[in-house]
Amino acid sequence: MGAGVDNRGRIMQCMSIDVANSVSDSVVQTTDSIVRVYAETDVRLWSLEESDSEAMGAGVAIPAGMVEYFGAFQGTFIKVEGTAEITNIRTV
């Protein structure tokens, strides 16, 4: 994913359109440094050290219908509770 540039060559804060996957109650792994999450249902997310790590704390809650963007290190594992459409991930 590269930075967006306007017609004058100035860098714009934006994210390119990418393939999204709909996931439910599973663990995914990021493939880029930014992920877009559309909560199809109420969703809770946790960042995990390993794919089988135990989720700690309350996680991040996203109400159904909302969109959020997160920065993440490439290869980060994310536990998804609920159903969400997420870009830049692969299922584990």
N, C-alpha and C. Protein backbone atom coordinates (compact mmCIF):
# COMPACT_ATOMS: atom_id res chain seq x y z
N MET A 1 0.85 -1.17 0.00
CA MET A 1 0.00 0.00 0.00
C MET A 1 0.90 1.23 0.00
N GLY A 2 0.72 2.12 -0.96
CA GLY A 2 1.49 3.34 -1.02
C GLY A 2 0.68 4.52 -0.53
N ALA A 3 1.34 5.64 -0.33
CA ALA A 3 0.66 6.85 0.11
C ALA A 3 -0.12 7.45 -1.05
N GLY A 4 -1.26 8.05 -0.75
CA GLY A 4 -2.02 8.76 -1.77
C GLY A 4 -1.36 10.10 -2.07
N VAL A 5 -1.44 10.53 -3.33
CA VAL A 5 -0.85 11.80 -3.74
C VAL A 5 -1.88 12.58 -4.54
N ASP A 6 -2.03 13.88 -4.24
CA ASP A 6 -2.98 14.68 -5.00
C ASP A 6 -2.35 15.14 -6.32
N ASN A 7 -3.09 15.93 -7.12
CA ASN A 7 -2.60 16.32 -8.45
C ASN A 7 -1.43 17.31 -8.40
N ARG A 8 -1.10 17.81 -7.22
CA ARG A 8 0.07 18.69 -7.06
C ARG A 8 1.26 17.93 -6.46
N GLY A 9 1.10 16.61 -6.28
CA GLY A 9 2.19 15.80 -5.76
C GLY A 9 2.30 15.80 -4.24
N ARG A 10 1.29 16.35 -3.54
CA ARG A 10 1.32 16.37 -2.08
C ARG A 10 0.75 15.07 -1.54
N ILE A 11 1.39 14.54 -0.50
CA ILE A 11 0.92 13.31 0.11
C ILE A 11 -0.40 13.55 0.84
N MET A 12 -1.36 12.64 0.63
CA MET A 12 -2.68 12.74 1.27
C MET A 12 -2.81 11.60 2.28
N GLN A 13 -3.52 11.89 3.37
CA GLN A 13 -3.78 10.85 4.35
C GLN A 13 -4.98 10.06 3.87
N CYS A 14 -4.73 8.87 3.34
CA CYS A 14 -5.80 8.03 2.83
C CYS A 14 -5.32 6.59 2.74
N MET A 15 -6.24 5.72 2.44
CA MET A 15 -5.92 4.30 2.31
C MET A 15 -6.45 3.83 0.97
N SER A 16 -5.64 3.07 0.26
CA SER A 16 -6.10 2.56 -1.03
C SER A 16 -7.17 1.49 -0.84
N ILE A 17 -8.02 1.32 -1.84
CA ILE A 17 -9.04 0.29 -1.79
C ILE A 17 -8.35 -1.06 -1.91
N ASP A 18 -8.73 -1.98 -1.06
CA ASP A 18 -8.09 -3.28 -1.05
C ASP A 18 -9.14 -4.35 -0.81
N VAL A 19 -8.75 -5.60 -0.96
CA VAL A 19 -9.64 -6.73 -0.73
C VAL A 19 -9.95 -6.82 0.76
N ALA A 20 -11.22 -7.04 1.07
CA ALA A 20 -11.64 -7.23 2.46
C ALA A 20 -12.20 -8.64 2.62
N ASN A 21 -12.06 -9.17 3.81
CA ASN A 21 -12.60 -10.48 4.13
C ASN A 21 -13.60 -10.35 5.26
N SER A 22 -14.71 -11.05 5.15
CA SER A 22 -15.69 -11.09 6.24
C SER A 22 -15.31 -12.24 7.15
N VAL A 23 -15.09 -11.94 8.42
CA VAL A 23 -14.69 -12.96 9.39
C VAL A 23 -15.61 -12.92 10.60
N SER A 24 -15.82 -14.08 11.20
CA SER A 24 -16.67 -14.21 12.39
C SER A 24 -15.96 -15.05 13.43
N ASP A 25 -15.86 -14.52 14.63
CA ASP A 25 -15.36 -15.28 15.78
C ASP A 25 -14.13 -16.11 15.42
N SER A 26 -13.07 -15.43 15.00
CA SER A 26 -11.86 -16.14 14.59
C SER A 26 -10.63 -15.29 14.86
N VAL A 27 -9.46 -15.85 14.53
CA VAL A 27 -8.20 -15.13 14.64
C VAL A 27 -7.68 -14.88 13.23
N VAL A 28 -7.23 -13.65 12.97
CA VAL A 28 -6.68 -13.29 11.67
C VAL A 28 -5.28 -12.71 11.88
N GLN A 29 -4.54 -12.56 10.78
CA GLN A 29 -3.21 -11.98 10.84
C GLN A 29 -3.11 -10.86 9.82
N THR A 30 -2.55 -9.72 10.24
CA THR A 30 -2.45 -8.57 9.35
C THR A 30 -1.40 -8.82 8.26
N THR A 31 -1.66 -8.29 7.08
CA THR A 31 -0.72 -8.40 5.96
C THR A 31 -0.17 -7.04 5.56
N ASP A 32 -0.59 -5.98 6.27
CA ASP A 32 -0.12 -4.62 6.00
C ASP A 32 -0.15 -3.85 7.30
N SER A 33 0.25 -2.59 7.26
CA SER A 33 0.36 -1.81 8.49
C SER A 33 -0.92 -1.05 8.86
N ILE A 34 -1.93 -1.08 8.01
CA ILE A 34 -3.22 -0.44 8.31
C ILE A 34 -4.33 -1.41 7.98
N VAL A 35 -5.29 -1.54 8.89
CA VAL A 35 -6.46 -2.36 8.63
C VAL A 35 -7.71 -1.51 8.79
N ARG A 36 -8.68 -1.77 7.93
CA ARG A 36 -9.99 -1.12 8.01
C ARG A 36 -10.97 -2.17 8.49
N VAL A 37 -11.74 -1.82 9.52
CA VAL A 37 -12.70 -2.77 10.10
C VAL A 37 -14.10 -2.19 9.97
N TYR A 38 -14.99 -2.91 9.28
CA TYR A 38 -16.41 -2.57 9.24
C TYR A 38 -17.11 -3.61 10.10
N ALA A 39 -17.76 -3.16 11.16
CA ALA A 39 -18.44 -4.06 12.09
C ALA A 39 -19.82 -4.41 11.53
N GLU A 40 -19.96 -5.64 11.04
CA GLU A 40 -21.26 -6.10 10.54
C GLU A 40 -22.22 -6.35 11.71
N THR A 41 -21.66 -6.82 12.82
CA THR A 41 -22.39 -6.96 14.09
C THR A 41 -21.57 -6.23 15.13
N ASP A 42 -22.02 -6.16 16.36
CA ASP A 42 -21.16 -5.64 17.42
C ASP A 42 -19.91 -6.51 17.44
N VAL A 43 -18.74 -5.87 17.47
CA VAL A 43 -17.47 -6.58 17.35
C VAL A 43 -16.56 -6.17 18.51
N ARG A 44 -15.76 -7.11 18.95
CA ARG A 44 -14.69 -6.83 19.91
C ARG A 44 -13.41 -7.42 19.34
N LEU A 45 -12.30 -6.64 19.39
CA LEU A 45 -11.01 -7.05 18.84
C LEU A 45 -9.94 -7.05 19.92
N TRP A 46 -9.04 -8.02 19.83
CA TRP A 46 -7.87 -8.08 20.69
C TRP A 46 -6.64 -8.28 19.84
N SER A 47 -5.53 -7.62 20.19
CA SER A 47 -4.25 -7.88 19.56
C SER A 47 -3.58 -9.00 20.35
N LEU A 48 -3.08 -10.03 19.63
CA LEU A 48 -2.47 -11.19 20.28
C LEU A 48 -1.00 -11.30 19.90
N GLU A 49 -0.18 -11.83 20.81
CA GLU A 49 1.23 -12.06 20.51
C GLU A 49 1.41 -13.25 19.55
N GLU A 50 0.60 -14.28 19.75
CA GLU A 50 0.62 -15.47 18.91
C GLU A 50 -0.82 -15.82 18.56
N SER A 51 -1.01 -16.61 17.53
CA SER A 51 -2.37 -16.94 17.09
C SER A 51 -3.18 -17.67 18.15
N ASP A 52 -2.50 -18.39 19.04
CA ASP A 52 -3.21 -19.13 20.08
C ASP A 52 -3.08 -18.51 21.46
N SER A 53 -2.61 -17.25 21.53
CA SER A 53 -2.50 -16.56 22.81
C SER A 53 -3.87 -16.28 23.40
N GLU A 54 -3.90 -16.14 24.72
CA GLU A 54 -5.15 -15.79 25.40
C GLU A 54 -5.38 -14.29 25.28
N ALA A 55 -6.61 -13.90 24.97
CA ALA A 55 -6.94 -12.48 24.88
C ALA A 55 -6.93 -11.87 26.28
N MET A 56 -6.29 -10.72 26.41
CA MET A 56 -6.18 -10.04 27.71
C MET A 56 -7.00 -8.76 27.70
N GLY A 57 -7.62 -8.45 28.82
CA GLY A 57 -8.36 -7.20 28.95
C GLY A 57 -9.68 -7.24 28.21
N ALA A 58 -10.27 -6.07 28.07
CA ALA A 58 -11.60 -5.95 27.48
C ALA A 58 -11.57 -5.87 25.95
N GLY A 59 -10.41 -5.68 25.36
CA GLY A 59 -10.34 -5.53 23.91
C GLY A 59 -10.89 -4.19 23.47
N VAL A 60 -11.11 -4.05 22.18
CA VAL A 60 -11.66 -2.82 21.59
C VAL A 60 -13.04 -3.15 21.06
N ALA A 61 -14.05 -2.44 21.53
CA ALA A 61 -15.43 -2.68 21.09
C ALA A 61 -15.79 -1.73 19.95
N ILE A 62 -16.43 -2.28 18.92
CA ILE A 62 -16.91 -1.48 17.79
C ILE A 62 -18.38 -1.83 17.58
N PRO A 63 -19.29 -0.85 17.70
CA PRO A 63 -20.71 -1.12 17.49
C PRO A 63 -21.03 -1.48 16.04
N ALA A 64 -22.06 -2.28 15.86
CA ALA A 64 -22.50 -2.68 14.51
C ALA A 64 -22.70 -1.45 13.63
N GLY A 65 -22.24 -1.54 12.38
CA GLY A 65 -22.41 -0.47 11.41
C GLY A 65 -21.29 0.56 11.39
N MET A 66 -20.36 0.48 12.32
CA MET A 66 -19.28 1.47 12.40
C MET A 66 -18.05 0.99 11.62
N VAL A 67 -17.23 1.95 11.18
CA VAL A 67 -15.97 1.67 10.49
C VAL A 67 -14.85 2.29 11.31
N GLU A 68 -13.79 1.53 11.53
CA GLU A 68 -12.61 2.03 12.24
C GLU A 68 -11.35 1.63 11.47
N TYR A 69 -10.32 2.42 11.62
CA TYR A 69 -9.01 2.15 10.99
C TYR A 69 -7.99 1.98 12.11
N PHE A 70 -7.12 0.98 11.97
CA PHE A 70 -6.11 0.73 12.98
C PHE A 70 -4.75 0.54 12.31
N GLY A 71 -3.74 1.07 12.97
CA GLY A 71 -2.37 0.78 12.58
C GLY A 71 -1.94 -0.49 13.29
N ALA A 72 -1.16 -1.32 12.63
CA ALA A 72 -0.69 -2.57 13.23
C ALA A 72 0.61 -2.97 12.57
N PHE A 73 1.45 -3.66 13.32
CA PHE A 73 2.65 -4.21 12.71
C PHE A 73 2.23 -5.35 11.78
N GLN A 74 2.85 -5.43 10.62
CA GLN A 74 2.54 -6.53 9.70
C GLN A 74 2.81 -7.84 10.41
N GLY A 75 1.84 -8.76 10.34
CA GLY A 75 1.98 -10.05 10.99
C GLY A 75 1.32 -10.12 12.36
N THR A 76 0.73 -9.02 12.81
CA THR A 76 0.03 -9.01 14.10
C THR A 76 -1.19 -9.92 14.04
N PHE A 77 -1.42 -10.67 15.11
CA PHE A 77 -2.61 -11.52 15.21
C PHE A 77 -3.73 -10.73 15.89
N ILE A 78 -4.94 -10.84 15.36
CA ILE A 78 -6.09 -10.15 15.92
C ILE A 78 -7.20 -11.16 16.15
N LYS A 79 -7.69 -11.21 17.38
CA LYS A 79 -8.85 -12.05 17.68
C LYS A 79 -10.09 -11.23 17.43
N VAL A 80 -11.03 -11.80 16.67
CA VAL A 80 -12.28 -11.12 16.31
C VAL A 80 -13.44 -11.85 16.98
N GLU A 81 -14.20 -11.13 17.78
CA GLU A 81 -15.43 -11.67 18.36
C GLU A 81 -16.58 -10.91 17.72
N GLY A 82 -17.48 -11.62 17.05
CA GLY A 82 -18.54 -10.99 16.26
C GLY A 82 -18.20 -11.15 14.79
N THR A 83 -18.87 -10.39 13.92
CA THR A 83 -18.64 -10.47 12.48
C THR A 83 -18.18 -9.11 11.96
N ALA A 84 -17.05 -9.11 11.25
CA ALA A 84 -16.50 -7.87 10.72
C ALA A 84 -15.91 -8.11 9.33
N GLU A 85 -15.94 -7.07 8.52
CA GLU A 85 -15.27 -7.07 7.22
C GLU A 85 -13.96 -6.31 7.43
N ILE A 86 -12.83 -6.99 7.21
CA ILE A 86 -11.52 -6.41 7.53
C ILE A 86 -10.61 -6.48 6.31
N THR A 87 -9.91 -5.38 6.02
CA THR A 87 -8.93 -5.36 4.93
C THR A 87 -7.56 -5.76 5.44
N ASN A 88 -6.70 -6.17 4.51
CA ASN A 88 -5.29 -6.43 4.79
C ASN A 88 -5.07 -7.49 5.86
N ILE A 89 -5.81 -8.59 5.74
CA ILE A 89 -5.64 -9.70 6.69
C ILE A 89 -5.67 -11.02 5.94
N ARG A 90 -5.21 -12.05 6.63
CA ARG A 90 -5.40 -13.42 6.17
C ARG A 90 -5.91 -14.19 7.37
N THR A 91 -6.73 -15.20 7.11
CA THR A 91 -7.24 -16.02 8.21
C THR A 91 -6.16 -16.99 8.63
N VAL A 92 -6.19 -17.35 9.91
CA VAL A 92 -5.17 -18.23 10.48
C VAL A 92 -5.77 -19.58 10.79
